[in-house]
Amino acid sequence: MSLVKQIFSEMPRHFDREAARGMNAVIQFRLSGDGGGHYHAIIHDGSIDVREGSHQSPHVTLTMTGQDYV
């Protein structure tokens, strides 16, 4: 498993649910290069769902290399 994929798989465990109360957003990550990929995080009122792939209508898209993300 790449380090990027590991970070996304562990993201829900480190998510601050209290800080995200009332927040509704979709964040798209487009990571290029070795270990990169496309992921998105759906934040809905204190919960997070992280998925691999692209979302149809994210609120914000972050584009960088996988190495820079790490």
Protein backbone atom coordinates (compact mmCIF):
# COMPACT_ATOMS: atom_id res chain seq x y z
CA MET A 1 0.00 0.00 0.00
CA SER A 2 1.37 3.42 -0.90
CA LEU A 3 1.88 6.00 1.84
CA VAL A 4 -0.73 8.28 0.22
CA LYS A 5 -3.32 5.49 0.23
CA GLN A 6 -2.47 4.71 3.85
CA ILE A 7 -2.96 8.37 4.85
CA PHE A 8 -6.41 8.44 3.24
CA SER A 9 -7.42 5.13 4.80
CA GLU A 10 -6.49 6.46 8.26
CA MET A 11 -8.05 9.91 7.78
CA PRO A 12 -11.42 9.05 9.42
CA ARG A 13 -9.63 7.84 12.55
CA HIS A 14 -7.87 11.20 12.97
CA PHE A 15 -10.82 13.38 11.95
CA ASP A 16 -12.01 15.96 14.50
CA ARG A 17 -15.76 15.35 14.46
CA GLU A 18 -16.53 18.18 16.91
CA ALA A 19 -14.73 20.74 14.74
CA ALA A 20 -16.76 19.60 11.72
CA ARG A 21 -20.21 19.89 13.32
CA GLY A 22 -22.49 21.76 10.94
CA MET A 23 -19.98 21.55 8.08
CA ASN A 24 -20.99 20.09 4.72
CA ALA A 25 -18.29 19.93 2.06
CA VAL A 26 -16.67 17.68 -0.51
CA ILE A 27 -12.90 17.99 -0.85
CA GLN A 28 -11.29 16.47 -3.95
CA PHE A 29 -7.60 15.50 -3.90
CA ARG A 30 -5.83 15.05 -7.25
CA LEU A 31 -2.36 13.77 -6.53
CA SER A 32 0.09 13.13 -9.36
CA GLY A 33 3.35 11.22 -9.56
CA ASP A 34 4.50 8.12 -7.73
CA GLY A 35 1.97 6.95 -5.18
CA GLY A 36 -0.54 9.61 -6.24
CA GLY A 37 -4.18 9.12 -7.14
CA HIS A 38 -7.59 10.69 -6.89
CA TYR A 39 -9.45 10.68 -3.57
CA HIS A 40 -12.30 12.67 -2.08
CA ALA A 41 -13.57 13.35 1.41
CA ILE A 42 -17.26 13.93 2.06
CA ILE A 43 -17.76 15.87 5.28
CA HIS A 44 -21.32 16.01 6.59
CA ASP A 45 -22.21 17.45 9.99
CA GLY A 46 -19.38 15.93 11.98
CA SER A 47 -18.82 12.80 9.93
CA ILE A 48 -16.36 11.98 7.14
CA ASP A 49 -16.45 9.45 4.34
CA VAL A 50 -13.18 9.09 2.39
CA ARG A 51 -13.30 7.41 -1.00
CA GLU A 52 -10.89 6.69 -3.79
CA GLY A 53 -11.76 8.28 -7.13
CA SER A 54 -13.25 11.54 -8.32
CA HIS A 55 -16.41 13.20 -7.07
CA GLN A 56 -18.80 14.76 -9.61
CA SER A 57 -19.14 18.11 -7.89
CA PRO A 58 -16.57 18.84 -5.16
CA HIS A 59 -16.60 22.16 -3.32
CA VAL A 60 -12.82 22.45 -3.57
CA THR A 61 -10.09 20.56 -5.44
CA LEU A 62 -6.52 20.29 -4.18
CA THR A 63 -3.98 19.41 -6.88
CA MET A 64 -0.36 18.51 -6.10
CA THR A 65 2.09 15.64 -6.28
CA GLY A 66 1.65 12.72 -3.95
CA GLN A 67 5.06 13.48 -2.49
CA ASP A 68 4.06 17.07 -1.66
CA TYR A 69 0.85 15.86 -0.02
CA VAL A 70 2.77 13.49 2.22
